[in-house]
Amino acid sequence: MKRIFLCSLCLLLFAASIWANASDQDLLISDGESSSGEVNETALVLALAGEPSGELTQS
């Protein structure tokens, strides 16, 4: 049980470090000097993971 907890904690810390290092530049896939305009879906999911979710209202 202790081993499972430690492994889960390590995975959580790893995911958090990747999310913290995601920047706007990581969101677009680039091939050398220019970006192709394709979105890096993994970086996008990680960047949006911390955003609050809920119902949209007029305001």
Protein backbone atom coordinates (compact mmCIF):
# COMPACT_ATOMS: atom_id res chain seq x y z
CA MET A 1 0.00 0.00 0.00
CA LYS A 2 2.85 2.35 0.86
CA ARG A 3 4.53 1.60 -2.49
CA ILE A 4 1.32 2.39 -4.43
CA PHE A 5 0.97 5.68 -2.57
CA LEU A 6 4.57 6.67 -3.31
CA CYS A 7 4.24 5.75 -7.00
CA SER A 8 1.03 7.75 -7.28
CA LEU A 9 2.66 10.72 -5.59
CA CYS A 10 5.64 10.57 -7.96
CA LEU A 11 3.36 10.44 -11.01
CA LEU A 12 1.36 13.40 -9.70
CA LEU A 13 4.52 15.44 -9.13
CA PHE A 14 5.80 14.53 -12.60
CA ALA A 15 2.52 15.62 -14.22
CA ALA A 16 2.52 18.85 -12.21
CA SER A 17 6.07 19.67 -13.29
CA ILE A 18 5.17 19.13 -16.95
CA TRP A 19 2.09 21.32 -16.58
CA ALA A 20 4.10 24.06 -14.86
CA ASN A 21 6.62 24.12 -17.70
CA ALA A 22 4.03 24.28 -20.48
CA SER A 23 4.12 27.61 -22.27
CA ASP A 24 2.30 29.12 -25.22
CA GLN A 25 5.17 28.10 -27.47
CA ASP A 26 4.65 24.45 -26.50
CA LEU A 27 1.04 24.56 -27.66
CA LEU A 28 1.97 24.77 -31.35
CA ILE A 29 3.92 22.04 -33.09
CA SER A 30 6.92 23.53 -34.84
CA ASP A 31 9.20 22.08 -37.45
CA GLY A 32 12.40 24.04 -37.19
CA GLU A 33 11.95 27.77 -37.66
CA SER A 34 8.20 28.04 -38.23
CA SER A 35 5.15 26.43 -36.69
CA SER A 36 2.83 24.36 -38.81
CA GLY A 37 -0.26 25.66 -37.02
CA GLU A 38 -1.06 22.25 -35.55
CA VAL A 39 -1.95 22.18 -31.86
CA ASN A 40 -0.03 19.98 -29.43
CA GLU A 41 -3.05 18.35 -27.76
CA THR A 42 -1.10 17.02 -24.76
CA ALA A 43 0.29 20.47 -23.92
CA LEU A 44 -3.17 21.99 -24.36
CA VAL A 45 -4.79 19.50 -21.97
CA LEU A 46 -2.06 20.11 -19.41
CA ALA A 47 -2.38 23.88 -19.75
CA LEU A 48 -6.16 23.77 -19.26
CA ALA A 49 -6.10 21.24 -16.41
CA GLY A 50 -5.83 23.95 -13.76
CA GLU A 51 -8.60 26.14 -15.13
CA PRO A 52 -11.88 26.18 -13.21
CA SER A 53 -14.86 24.59 -14.88
CA GLY A 54 -18.54 25.26 -14.48
CA GLU A 55 -21.59 26.62 -16.21
CA LEU A 56 -21.31 29.57 -18.57
CA THR A 57 -23.49 32.57 -17.81
CA GLN A 58 -24.25 35.82 -19.63
CA SER A 59 -21.85 37.72 -17.38
